[in-house]
N, C-alpha and C. Protein backbone atom coordinates (compact mmCIF):
# COMPACT_ATOMS: atom_id res chain seq x y z
N MET A 1 34.96 -18.99 -74.71
CA MET A 1 35.35 -18.36 -76.07
C MET A 1 35.88 -17.02 -75.83
N GLY A 2 35.61 -16.32 -74.72
CA GLY A 2 35.93 -14.94 -74.55
C GLY A 2 34.84 -13.98 -74.81
N LYS A 3 33.67 -14.43 -74.89
CA LYS A 3 32.55 -13.63 -75.20
C LYS A 3 32.22 -12.49 -74.30
N SER A 4 32.35 -12.70 -72.97
CA SER A 4 32.09 -11.67 -71.98
C SER A 4 33.11 -10.57 -72.15
N ALA A 5 34.32 -10.99 -72.23
CA ALA A 5 35.39 -9.93 -72.40
C ALA A 5 35.23 -9.17 -73.62
N THR A 6 34.78 -9.81 -74.72
CA THR A 6 34.47 -9.09 -75.97
C THR A 6 33.34 -8.13 -75.80
N ALA A 7 32.22 -8.57 -75.17
CA ALA A 7 31.12 -7.71 -74.96
C ALA A 7 31.51 -6.53 -74.15
N GLN A 8 32.49 -6.61 -73.12
CA GLN A 8 32.92 -5.50 -72.50
C GLN A 8 33.75 -4.49 -73.42
N LEU A 9 34.44 -5.04 -74.29
CA LEU A 9 35.18 -4.14 -75.24
C LEU A 9 34.14 -3.28 -75.99
N PHE A 10 33.04 -3.88 -76.42
CA PHE A 10 32.02 -3.04 -77.14
C PHE A 10 31.50 -1.99 -76.09
N ARG A 11 31.24 -2.36 -74.96
CA ARG A 11 30.74 -1.36 -73.91
C ARG A 11 31.68 -0.16 -73.81
N GLU A 12 33.08 -0.55 -73.71
CA GLU A 12 34.07 0.59 -73.51
C GLU A 12 34.15 1.45 -74.68
N ARG A 13 33.58 0.99 -75.84
CA ARG A 13 33.62 1.83 -77.02
C ARG A 13 32.26 2.48 -77.24
N GLY A 14 31.42 2.52 -76.22
CA GLY A 14 30.21 3.14 -76.19
C GLY A 14 29.06 2.44 -76.83
N VAL A 15 29.15 1.15 -77.08
CA VAL A 15 28.16 0.48 -77.77
C VAL A 15 27.23 -0.28 -76.70
N PRO A 16 25.98 -0.02 -76.51
CA PRO A 16 25.15 -0.66 -75.55
C PRO A 16 25.05 -2.22 -75.77
N VAL A 17 25.10 -2.97 -74.74
CA VAL A 17 25.14 -4.43 -74.85
C VAL A 17 23.91 -4.85 -73.95
N HIS A 18 23.06 -5.72 -74.48
CA HIS A 18 22.05 -6.41 -73.74
C HIS A 18 22.57 -7.83 -73.47
N ASP A 19 22.89 -8.11 -72.17
CA ASP A 19 23.44 -9.33 -71.70
C ASP A 19 22.33 -10.25 -71.31
N ALA A 20 22.10 -11.29 -71.99
CA ALA A 20 20.94 -12.19 -71.69
C ALA A 20 21.28 -12.89 -70.36
N ASP A 21 22.51 -13.27 -70.17
CA ASP A 21 22.90 -13.91 -68.96
C ASP A 21 22.66 -13.13 -67.81
N ALA A 22 22.98 -11.79 -67.84
CA ALA A 22 22.76 -10.91 -66.71
C ALA A 22 21.24 -10.75 -66.48
N THR A 23 20.56 -10.79 -67.58
CA THR A 23 19.06 -10.72 -67.36
C THR A 23 18.56 -12.00 -66.61
N VAL A 24 19.09 -13.09 -67.04
CA VAL A 24 18.63 -14.44 -66.48
C VAL A 24 19.03 -14.28 -64.95
N HIS A 25 20.21 -13.83 -64.63
CA HIS A 25 20.64 -13.74 -63.20
C HIS A 25 19.55 -12.86 -62.52
N ALA A 26 19.18 -11.77 -63.04
CA ALA A 26 18.25 -10.85 -62.28
C ALA A 26 16.95 -11.61 -62.21
N LEU A 27 16.49 -12.34 -63.22
CA LEU A 27 15.21 -13.03 -63.15
C LEU A 27 15.16 -14.10 -62.09
N TYR A 28 16.38 -14.79 -61.85
CA TYR A 28 16.56 -15.80 -60.89
C TYR A 28 16.36 -15.23 -59.45
N HIS A 29 16.72 -13.99 -59.33
CA HIS A 29 16.60 -13.29 -58.16
C HIS A 29 15.21 -12.63 -57.84
N GLY A 30 14.40 -12.76 -58.98
CA GLY A 30 13.04 -12.08 -58.78
C GLY A 30 11.96 -12.75 -59.53
N LYS A 31 11.62 -12.29 -60.71
CA LYS A 31 10.41 -12.52 -61.41
C LYS A 31 10.31 -14.04 -61.80
N ALA A 32 11.35 -14.74 -62.05
CA ALA A 32 11.29 -16.13 -62.45
C ALA A 32 11.23 -17.15 -61.31
N ALA A 33 11.70 -16.74 -60.19
CA ALA A 33 11.97 -17.59 -59.02
C ALA A 33 10.85 -18.62 -58.73
N LEU A 34 9.64 -17.91 -58.50
CA LEU A 34 8.47 -18.69 -58.14
C LEU A 34 8.09 -19.61 -59.30
N LEU A 35 8.13 -19.15 -60.50
CA LEU A 35 7.81 -20.10 -61.63
C LEU A 35 8.76 -21.29 -61.70
N ILE A 36 9.98 -21.06 -61.43
CA ILE A 36 11.01 -22.15 -61.41
C ILE A 36 10.81 -23.03 -60.26
N GLU A 37 10.54 -22.57 -59.08
CA GLU A 37 10.27 -23.45 -57.91
C GLU A 37 9.04 -24.35 -58.18
N GLU A 38 8.03 -23.74 -58.87
CA GLU A 38 6.85 -24.62 -59.19
C GLU A 38 7.13 -25.70 -60.07
N ALA A 39 8.13 -25.38 -61.09
CA ALA A 39 8.49 -26.49 -62.11
C ALA A 39 9.49 -27.47 -61.52
N PHE A 40 10.35 -26.89 -60.64
CA PHE A 40 11.50 -27.69 -60.15
C PHE A 40 11.58 -27.50 -58.67
N PRO A 41 10.76 -28.23 -57.92
CA PRO A 41 10.72 -28.00 -56.46
C PRO A 41 12.04 -28.13 -55.78
N GLY A 42 12.28 -27.26 -54.80
CA GLY A 42 13.49 -27.32 -54.02
C GLY A 42 14.69 -26.57 -54.66
N THR A 43 14.47 -25.88 -55.65
CA THR A 43 15.57 -25.19 -56.32
C THR A 43 15.71 -23.70 -55.96
N VAL A 44 14.77 -23.20 -55.21
CA VAL A 44 14.80 -21.78 -54.78
C VAL A 44 15.05 -21.71 -53.26
N VAL A 45 16.01 -20.90 -52.89
CA VAL A 45 16.38 -20.78 -51.55
C VAL A 45 16.33 -19.22 -51.25
N ASP A 46 15.48 -19.00 -50.18
CA ASP A 46 15.31 -17.47 -49.70
C ASP A 46 14.94 -16.58 -50.91
N GLY A 47 14.06 -17.16 -51.79
CA GLY A 47 13.53 -16.38 -52.90
C GLY A 47 14.52 -16.25 -54.15
N VAL A 48 15.57 -16.96 -54.05
CA VAL A 48 16.61 -16.94 -55.24
C VAL A 48 16.79 -18.28 -55.73
N VAL A 49 16.77 -18.44 -57.05
CA VAL A 49 17.12 -19.80 -57.66
C VAL A 49 18.53 -20.10 -57.43
N ASP A 50 18.69 -21.41 -56.88
CA ASP A 50 20.03 -21.91 -56.57
C ASP A 50 20.49 -22.71 -57.73
N ARG A 51 21.49 -22.23 -58.51
CA ARG A 51 21.80 -22.93 -59.74
C ARG A 51 22.40 -24.30 -59.41
N THR A 52 23.06 -24.49 -58.35
CA THR A 52 23.57 -25.79 -57.97
C THR A 52 22.48 -26.87 -57.76
N ARG A 53 21.27 -26.32 -57.27
CA ARG A 53 20.17 -27.26 -57.10
C ARG A 53 19.39 -27.49 -58.39
N LEU A 54 19.44 -26.38 -59.27
CA LEU A 54 18.67 -26.54 -60.49
C LEU A 54 19.46 -27.43 -61.57
N SER A 55 20.80 -27.39 -61.51
CA SER A 55 21.57 -28.07 -62.52
C SER A 55 21.26 -29.56 -62.67
N PRO A 56 21.14 -30.27 -61.52
CA PRO A 56 20.85 -31.70 -61.73
C PRO A 56 19.43 -32.08 -62.35
N TYR A 57 18.61 -31.04 -62.28
CA TYR A 57 17.28 -31.29 -62.94
C TYR A 57 17.48 -31.19 -64.45
N VAL A 58 18.25 -30.27 -64.95
CA VAL A 58 18.23 -29.99 -66.36
C VAL A 58 19.43 -30.58 -67.20
N LEU A 59 20.58 -30.69 -66.60
CA LEU A 59 21.71 -31.16 -67.35
C LEU A 59 21.50 -32.64 -67.75
N GLY A 60 21.59 -32.88 -68.98
CA GLY A 60 21.32 -34.27 -69.53
C GLY A 60 19.93 -34.66 -69.51
N ASN A 61 19.08 -33.63 -69.39
CA ASN A 61 17.52 -33.93 -69.30
C ASN A 61 16.85 -32.96 -70.35
N PRO A 62 16.80 -33.32 -71.55
CA PRO A 62 16.26 -32.34 -72.58
C PRO A 62 14.90 -31.87 -72.25
N ALA A 63 13.99 -32.71 -71.73
CA ALA A 63 12.65 -32.29 -71.37
C ALA A 63 12.61 -31.24 -70.29
N ALA A 64 13.46 -31.44 -69.29
CA ALA A 64 13.58 -30.45 -68.17
C ALA A 64 14.20 -29.05 -68.68
N MET A 65 15.14 -29.24 -69.56
CA MET A 65 15.83 -28.06 -70.10
C MET A 65 14.79 -27.36 -70.97
N LYS A 66 14.01 -27.93 -71.72
CA LYS A 66 12.97 -27.23 -72.52
C LYS A 66 12.02 -26.55 -71.66
N ARG A 67 11.62 -27.27 -70.48
CA ARG A 67 10.69 -26.56 -69.57
C ARG A 67 11.26 -25.28 -68.98
N LEU A 68 12.57 -25.39 -68.65
CA LEU A 68 13.21 -24.16 -68.07
C LEU A 68 13.26 -23.05 -69.08
N GLU A 69 13.55 -23.44 -70.31
CA GLU A 69 13.63 -22.40 -71.39
C GLU A 69 12.30 -21.74 -71.71
N GLN A 70 11.16 -22.59 -71.58
CA GLN A 70 9.85 -22.14 -71.73
C GLN A 70 9.46 -21.01 -70.58
N ILE A 71 10.11 -21.15 -69.51
CA ILE A 71 9.93 -20.16 -68.46
C ILE A 71 10.74 -18.93 -68.66
N ILE A 72 12.01 -19.05 -68.95
CA ILE A 72 12.96 -18.07 -68.96
C ILE A 72 12.96 -17.19 -70.33
N HIS A 73 12.96 -17.93 -71.42
CA HIS A 73 13.04 -17.36 -72.75
C HIS A 73 12.11 -16.15 -72.98
N PRO A 74 10.83 -16.23 -72.71
CA PRO A 74 9.89 -15.16 -72.89
C PRO A 74 10.16 -14.02 -71.94
N LEU A 75 10.72 -14.17 -70.82
CA LEU A 75 11.11 -13.10 -69.94
C LEU A 75 12.20 -12.39 -70.39
N VAL A 76 13.31 -13.13 -70.99
CA VAL A 76 14.41 -12.50 -71.43
C VAL A 76 14.14 -11.70 -72.73
N ARG A 77 13.27 -12.23 -73.53
CA ARG A 77 12.82 -11.53 -74.73
C ARG A 77 12.08 -10.28 -74.42
N GLU A 78 11.31 -10.33 -73.47
CA GLU A 78 10.68 -9.04 -72.99
C GLU A 78 11.62 -7.99 -72.62
N ALA A 79 12.67 -8.40 -71.81
CA ALA A 79 13.66 -7.43 -71.40
C ALA A 79 14.48 -6.95 -72.61
N GLU A 80 14.74 -7.83 -73.57
CA GLU A 80 15.43 -7.46 -74.81
C GLU A 80 14.65 -6.36 -75.57
N ARG A 81 13.28 -6.64 -75.71
CA ARG A 81 12.49 -5.66 -76.44
C ARG A 81 12.51 -4.30 -75.76
N VAL A 82 12.52 -4.18 -74.51
CA VAL A 82 12.58 -2.95 -73.82
C VAL A 82 13.93 -2.29 -74.18
N PHE A 83 14.99 -3.10 -74.12
CA PHE A 83 16.35 -2.51 -74.43
C PHE A 83 16.39 -1.97 -75.92
N LEU A 84 15.75 -2.65 -76.90
CA LEU A 84 15.86 -2.25 -78.27
C LEU A 84 14.89 -0.99 -78.46
N ASP A 85 13.82 -1.01 -77.73
CA ASP A 85 12.88 0.08 -77.91
C ASP A 85 13.64 1.42 -77.40
N ARG A 86 14.35 1.29 -76.33
CA ARG A 86 15.04 2.41 -75.84
C ARG A 86 16.15 2.86 -76.81
N ALA A 87 16.84 1.91 -77.50
CA ALA A 87 17.84 2.20 -78.39
C ALA A 87 17.24 2.99 -79.65
N VAL A 88 16.16 2.46 -80.15
CA VAL A 88 15.52 3.19 -81.17
C VAL A 88 15.03 4.57 -80.93
N GLN A 89 14.53 4.73 -79.73
CA GLN A 89 14.02 6.03 -79.25
C GLN A 89 15.17 7.00 -79.12
N SER A 90 16.37 6.56 -78.75
CA SER A 90 17.54 7.35 -78.65
C SER A 90 18.43 7.47 -79.88
N ALA A 91 17.93 6.79 -80.98
CA ALA A 91 18.59 6.80 -82.24
C ALA A 91 20.08 6.27 -82.08
N THR A 92 20.22 5.17 -81.26
CA THR A 92 21.50 4.62 -81.14
C THR A 92 21.91 3.85 -82.44
N PRO A 93 23.11 4.04 -82.98
CA PRO A 93 23.42 3.52 -84.23
C PRO A 93 23.68 1.94 -84.24
N LEU A 94 24.13 1.41 -83.11
CA LEU A 94 24.53 0.09 -83.00
C LEU A 94 24.32 -0.42 -81.57
N VAL A 95 23.76 -1.57 -81.51
CA VAL A 95 23.69 -2.30 -80.16
C VAL A 95 24.06 -3.73 -80.34
N VAL A 96 24.46 -4.36 -79.20
CA VAL A 96 24.88 -5.76 -79.20
C VAL A 96 23.88 -6.54 -78.35
N LEU A 97 23.40 -7.52 -78.94
CA LEU A 97 22.57 -8.61 -78.23
C LEU A 97 23.46 -9.73 -77.95
N ASP A 98 23.76 -9.90 -76.61
CA ASP A 98 24.55 -11.08 -76.26
C ASP A 98 23.67 -12.29 -75.91
N ILE A 99 23.60 -13.13 -76.98
CA ILE A 99 22.51 -14.16 -76.83
C ILE A 99 23.06 -15.55 -76.78
N PRO A 100 22.90 -16.22 -75.55
CA PRO A 100 23.26 -17.58 -75.43
C PRO A 100 22.59 -18.49 -76.39
N LEU A 101 23.22 -19.54 -76.88
CA LEU A 101 22.65 -20.45 -77.81
C LEU A 101 21.99 -19.74 -78.97
N LEU A 102 22.65 -18.82 -79.52
CA LEU A 102 22.12 -17.98 -80.64
C LEU A 102 21.49 -18.84 -81.80
N PHE A 103 22.31 -19.67 -82.37
CA PHE A 103 21.84 -20.35 -83.48
C PHE A 103 20.95 -21.56 -83.05
N GLU A 104 21.30 -22.16 -81.88
CA GLU A 104 20.42 -23.17 -81.40
C GLU A 104 18.97 -22.83 -81.22
N THR A 105 18.75 -21.60 -80.83
CA THR A 105 17.40 -21.01 -80.51
C THR A 105 16.87 -20.14 -81.69
N MET A 106 17.62 -20.21 -82.81
CA MET A 106 17.26 -19.44 -84.04
C MET A 106 17.17 -17.90 -83.70
N GLY A 107 17.94 -17.46 -82.72
CA GLY A 107 17.99 -16.03 -82.32
C GLY A 107 18.59 -15.13 -83.46
N GLU A 108 19.31 -15.75 -84.38
CA GLU A 108 19.85 -14.89 -85.45
C GLU A 108 18.79 -14.28 -86.31
N ARG A 109 17.49 -14.80 -86.29
CA ARG A 109 16.45 -14.31 -87.07
C ARG A 109 16.07 -12.83 -86.73
N ARG A 110 16.32 -12.52 -85.53
CA ARG A 110 16.00 -11.17 -85.03
C ARG A 110 17.11 -10.16 -85.03
N CYS A 111 18.23 -10.57 -85.70
CA CYS A 111 19.39 -9.75 -85.74
C CYS A 111 19.74 -9.24 -87.22
N ASP A 112 20.37 -8.16 -87.30
CA ASP A 112 20.79 -7.61 -88.66
C ASP A 112 22.06 -8.18 -89.05
N ALA A 113 22.89 -8.57 -88.13
CA ALA A 113 24.30 -9.11 -88.43
C ALA A 113 24.74 -9.97 -87.24
N ILE A 114 25.43 -10.89 -87.52
CA ILE A 114 26.00 -11.94 -86.53
C ILE A 114 27.48 -11.82 -86.35
N LEU A 115 27.83 -11.71 -85.07
CA LEU A 115 29.28 -11.78 -84.67
C LEU A 115 29.45 -13.02 -83.78
N VAL A 116 30.36 -13.82 -84.13
CA VAL A 116 30.72 -15.00 -83.26
C VAL A 116 32.06 -14.79 -82.66
N VAL A 117 32.12 -14.93 -81.42
CA VAL A 117 33.37 -15.01 -80.70
C VAL A 117 33.91 -16.40 -80.43
N SER A 118 35.15 -16.55 -80.83
CA SER A 118 35.72 -17.91 -80.89
C SER A 118 37.12 -18.02 -80.51
N THR A 119 37.69 -19.15 -80.09
CA THR A 119 38.97 -19.41 -79.89
C THR A 119 39.29 -20.89 -80.16
N ASP A 120 40.48 -21.28 -79.95
CA ASP A 120 40.80 -22.72 -80.21
C ASP A 120 40.23 -23.61 -79.15
N VAL A 121 40.14 -24.92 -79.44
CA VAL A 121 39.43 -25.81 -78.49
C VAL A 121 40.21 -25.80 -77.19
N GLU A 122 41.46 -25.90 -77.19
CA GLU A 122 42.30 -26.01 -75.99
C GLU A 122 42.07 -24.86 -75.01
N THR A 123 42.06 -23.63 -75.62
CA THR A 123 41.83 -22.48 -74.81
C THR A 123 40.50 -22.37 -74.28
N GLN A 124 39.49 -22.72 -75.03
CA GLN A 124 38.13 -22.74 -74.60
C GLN A 124 37.98 -23.67 -73.40
N LYS A 125 38.48 -24.87 -73.47
CA LYS A 125 38.34 -25.92 -72.46
C LYS A 125 39.05 -25.43 -71.15
N ALA A 126 40.26 -24.83 -71.30
CA ALA A 126 40.98 -24.37 -70.14
C ALA A 126 40.24 -23.20 -69.45
N ARG A 127 39.65 -22.35 -70.28
CA ARG A 127 38.83 -21.26 -69.68
C ARG A 127 37.62 -21.77 -68.89
N VAL A 128 36.95 -22.66 -69.54
CA VAL A 128 35.66 -23.12 -68.92
C VAL A 128 35.97 -23.97 -67.71
N LEU A 129 36.96 -24.82 -67.70
CA LEU A 129 37.20 -25.68 -66.53
C LEU A 129 37.78 -24.91 -65.36
N ALA A 130 38.34 -23.72 -65.65
CA ALA A 130 38.79 -22.93 -64.52
C ALA A 130 37.70 -22.23 -63.78
N ARG A 131 36.45 -22.41 -64.22
CA ARG A 131 35.36 -21.79 -63.50
C ARG A 131 34.86 -22.71 -62.38
N PRO A 132 34.32 -21.97 -61.25
CA PRO A 132 33.98 -22.73 -60.03
C PRO A 132 32.84 -23.72 -60.39
N GLY A 133 33.01 -25.04 -59.98
CA GLY A 133 31.94 -25.96 -60.08
C GLY A 133 31.93 -26.67 -61.40
N MET A 134 32.78 -26.27 -62.31
CA MET A 134 32.76 -26.88 -63.73
C MET A 134 33.57 -28.15 -63.72
N THR A 135 33.08 -29.20 -64.36
CA THR A 135 33.68 -30.54 -64.54
C THR A 135 33.80 -30.89 -65.96
N ASP A 136 34.60 -31.85 -66.29
CA ASP A 136 34.69 -32.43 -67.61
C ASP A 136 33.41 -32.86 -68.16
N GLU A 137 32.68 -33.50 -67.22
CA GLU A 137 31.33 -34.09 -67.56
C GLU A 137 30.33 -33.05 -67.93
N ARG A 138 30.29 -32.01 -67.12
CA ARG A 138 29.38 -30.88 -67.37
C ARG A 138 29.77 -30.15 -68.58
N PHE A 139 31.11 -29.93 -68.86
CA PHE A 139 31.56 -29.29 -69.97
C PHE A 139 31.14 -30.10 -71.29
N SER A 140 31.21 -31.39 -71.26
CA SER A 140 30.82 -32.25 -72.35
C SER A 140 29.36 -32.13 -72.69
N GLN A 141 28.56 -32.04 -71.56
CA GLN A 141 27.16 -31.90 -71.73
C GLN A 141 26.78 -30.59 -72.32
N ILE A 142 27.42 -29.52 -71.91
CA ILE A 142 27.19 -28.23 -72.50
C ILE A 142 27.52 -28.20 -73.96
N LEU A 143 28.69 -28.76 -74.32
CA LEU A 143 29.17 -28.84 -75.79
C LEU A 143 28.12 -29.67 -76.65
N ALA A 144 27.54 -30.69 -76.03
CA ALA A 144 26.62 -31.53 -76.78
C ALA A 144 25.32 -30.85 -77.21
N ARG A 145 24.98 -29.70 -76.55
CA ARG A 145 23.82 -29.00 -76.85
C ARG A 145 24.12 -27.84 -77.92
N GLN A 146 25.35 -27.69 -78.35
CA GLN A 146 25.74 -26.61 -79.18
C GLN A 146 25.96 -26.91 -80.62
N VAL A 147 25.72 -25.96 -81.49
CA VAL A 147 26.19 -25.96 -82.86
C VAL A 147 27.60 -25.94 -82.88
N PRO A 148 28.30 -26.82 -83.60
CA PRO A 148 29.84 -26.91 -83.57
C PRO A 148 30.42 -25.59 -84.00
N ASP A 149 31.52 -25.17 -83.44
CA ASP A 149 32.07 -23.83 -83.59
C ASP A 149 32.29 -23.59 -85.08
N GLN A 150 32.84 -24.55 -85.83
CA GLN A 150 33.13 -24.36 -87.18
C GLN A 150 31.88 -23.87 -87.97
N GLN A 151 30.76 -24.48 -87.57
CA GLN A 151 29.48 -24.10 -88.30
C GLN A 151 29.12 -22.71 -87.92
N LYS A 152 29.32 -22.36 -86.63
CA LYS A 152 28.96 -20.99 -86.20
C LYS A 152 29.85 -19.93 -86.91
N ARG A 153 31.08 -20.32 -87.07
CA ARG A 153 32.03 -19.34 -87.87
C ARG A 153 31.59 -19.11 -89.33
N GLN A 154 31.09 -20.26 -89.91
CA GLN A 154 30.58 -20.18 -91.29
C GLN A 154 29.38 -19.34 -91.38
N ARG A 155 28.52 -19.38 -90.33
CA ARG A 155 27.33 -18.62 -90.42
C ARG A 155 27.32 -17.14 -89.99
N ALA A 156 28.52 -16.84 -89.47
CA ALA A 156 28.72 -15.41 -88.99
C ALA A 156 29.01 -14.45 -90.14
N HIS A 157 28.61 -13.16 -89.90
CA HIS A 157 29.09 -12.10 -90.71
C HIS A 157 30.51 -11.76 -90.41
N LEU A 158 30.91 -11.79 -89.09
CA LEU A 158 32.22 -11.58 -88.63
C LEU A 158 32.57 -12.49 -87.50
N VAL A 159 33.85 -12.81 -87.35
CA VAL A 159 34.31 -13.63 -86.22
C VAL A 159 35.38 -12.87 -85.43
N ILE A 160 35.23 -12.80 -84.12
CA ILE A 160 36.28 -12.29 -83.27
C ILE A 160 37.02 -13.42 -82.68
N ASP A 161 38.37 -13.50 -83.02
CA ASP A 161 39.25 -14.54 -82.43
C ASP A 161 39.88 -14.03 -81.21
N THR A 162 39.60 -14.71 -80.08
CA THR A 162 40.15 -14.22 -78.79
C THR A 162 41.36 -14.89 -78.41
N SER A 163 42.09 -15.61 -79.28
CA SER A 163 43.16 -16.41 -78.95
C SER A 163 44.49 -15.65 -78.65
N HIS A 164 44.47 -14.41 -79.12
CA HIS A 164 45.73 -13.61 -79.00
C HIS A 164 45.70 -12.40 -78.08
N GLY A 165 44.79 -12.41 -77.07
CA GLY A 165 44.86 -11.26 -76.16
C GLY A 165 43.85 -10.21 -76.50
N LEU A 166 43.71 -9.35 -75.45
CA LEU A 166 42.70 -8.32 -75.44
C LEU A 166 42.94 -7.16 -76.52
N ALA A 167 44.27 -6.86 -76.65
CA ALA A 167 44.55 -5.80 -77.68
C ALA A 167 44.18 -6.25 -79.14
N HIS A 168 44.52 -7.51 -79.43
CA HIS A 168 44.09 -8.04 -80.68
C HIS A 168 42.64 -8.14 -80.85
N ALA A 169 41.97 -8.59 -79.86
CA ALA A 169 40.48 -8.55 -79.84
C ALA A 169 39.91 -7.22 -80.01
N GLY A 170 40.47 -6.25 -79.28
CA GLY A 170 39.96 -4.88 -79.35
C GLY A 170 40.06 -4.34 -80.72
N ALA A 171 41.16 -4.64 -81.45
CA ALA A 171 41.26 -4.16 -82.85
C ALA A 171 40.19 -4.73 -83.76
N GLN A 172 39.88 -6.00 -83.50
CA GLN A 172 38.77 -6.74 -84.24
C GLN A 172 37.46 -6.03 -83.88
N VAL A 173 37.31 -5.69 -82.68
CA VAL A 173 35.98 -5.04 -82.20
C VAL A 173 35.85 -3.65 -82.91
N ASP A 174 36.94 -2.96 -82.98
CA ASP A 174 36.88 -1.59 -83.72
C ASP A 174 36.55 -1.80 -85.19
N ALA A 175 37.07 -2.86 -85.78
CA ALA A 175 36.72 -3.10 -87.23
C ALA A 175 35.34 -3.50 -87.37
N ALA A 176 34.79 -4.37 -86.35
CA ALA A 176 33.39 -4.78 -86.48
C ALA A 176 32.44 -3.68 -86.24
N ILE A 177 32.75 -2.72 -85.42
CA ILE A 177 31.84 -1.56 -85.21
C ILE A 177 31.79 -0.77 -86.56
N ARG A 178 32.92 -0.56 -87.13
CA ARG A 178 32.89 0.13 -88.44
C ARG A 178 32.08 -0.57 -89.50
N ALA A 179 32.28 -1.94 -89.55
CA ALA A 179 31.62 -2.70 -90.50
C ALA A 179 30.14 -2.82 -90.31
N PHE A 180 29.69 -2.88 -89.08
CA PHE A 180 28.35 -3.11 -88.82
C PHE A 180 27.50 -1.82 -89.01
N ILE A 181 28.12 -0.64 -88.57
CA ILE A 181 27.42 0.64 -88.80
C ILE A 181 27.38 0.97 -90.31
N GLY A 182 28.43 0.64 -91.05
CA GLY A 182 28.53 1.03 -92.41
C GLY A 182 27.78 0.11 -93.37
N ARG A 183 27.48 -1.17 -92.89
CA ARG A 183 26.90 -2.08 -93.92
C ARG A 183 25.49 -1.80 -94.37
N THR A 184 24.67 -1.03 -93.46
CA THR A 184 23.42 -0.72 -93.86
C THR A 184 23.08 0.60 -93.84
N GLY A 185 23.95 1.53 -93.19
CA GLY A 185 23.64 2.98 -93.04
C GLY A 185 22.51 3.14 -92.10
N ARG A 186 22.23 2.26 -91.21
CA ARG A 186 21.11 2.37 -90.27
C ARG A 186 21.55 1.60 -89.02
N ALA A 187 20.71 1.68 -88.02
CA ALA A 187 20.97 0.95 -86.77
C ALA A 187 21.00 -0.53 -87.04
N ALA A 188 22.07 -1.10 -86.64
CA ALA A 188 22.18 -2.64 -86.82
C ALA A 188 22.38 -3.30 -85.47
N GLN A 189 21.82 -4.48 -85.31
CA GLN A 189 22.06 -5.23 -84.03
C GLN A 189 22.97 -6.32 -84.34
N SER A 190 24.03 -6.29 -83.48
CA SER A 190 25.05 -7.36 -83.56
C SER A 190 24.88 -8.30 -82.51
N ALA A 191 24.66 -9.64 -82.79
CA ALA A 191 24.51 -10.60 -81.74
C ALA A 191 25.80 -11.25 -81.46
N ALA A 192 26.44 -11.10 -80.31
CA ALA A 192 27.63 -11.74 -80.00
C ALA A 192 27.30 -13.14 -79.60
N GLY A 193 27.60 -14.07 -80.44
CA GLY A 193 27.12 -15.53 -80.16
C GLY A 193 27.85 -16.14 -79.12
N LYS A 194 27.12 -16.70 -78.21
CA LYS A 194 27.73 -17.42 -77.15
C LYS A 194 27.21 -18.85 -77.12
N SER A 195 27.86 -19.77 -76.66
CA SER A 195 27.55 -21.15 -76.88
C SER A 195 26.54 -21.74 -75.87
N GLN A 196 26.48 -21.28 -74.64
CA GLN A 196 25.69 -21.89 -73.71
C GLN A 196 25.41 -20.95 -72.49
N TYR A 197 24.50 -21.31 -71.51
CA TYR A 197 24.23 -20.34 -70.56
C TYR A 197 25.38 -19.97 -69.54
N ASP A 198 26.10 -20.94 -69.23
CA ASP A 198 27.12 -20.87 -68.14
C ASP A 198 28.61 -20.75 -68.62
N ALA A 199 28.80 -20.83 -69.80
CA ALA A 199 30.24 -20.87 -70.29
C ALA A 199 30.29 -19.92 -71.53
């Protein structure tokens, strides 16, 4: 959808971003590795979770995916709380929580405003399939776990359309920053909604 590029546009404008995917990546290299190896034997190599070994366990297996989420989600939330505490202590007026599966996990309940990043279906598919290791089958499995894009748009306070390049997206980000800071007169948390862990 262009979520990562949009999150970077917020960073370039001085808005702190908590990237849940980056947190998961760090956890896979440390705190979560042993727990994941216990739940999914053979998925950790040299102390690091190997995503290519983990994927067959969880894709298309709701019970296994739930088990993985039970391991990862509390650790990500812990890191998120630390991030927010620091923002409050420094009186930061706006932060972005980059949350995968925002609506699917009811993450919107802990946000003051929701921003969804979106594009047309053809562009989304082309972007995702260009990534290493991605296949049509895996893409379809990922989409099956998501709230449809139209519903996400309807539930958002603002939508960033990334179909027309970075300059156009940047102008929308500027407008979003003004809107989110102005809507409450206090610090607001914007969750840049992303549809799944790897895309």
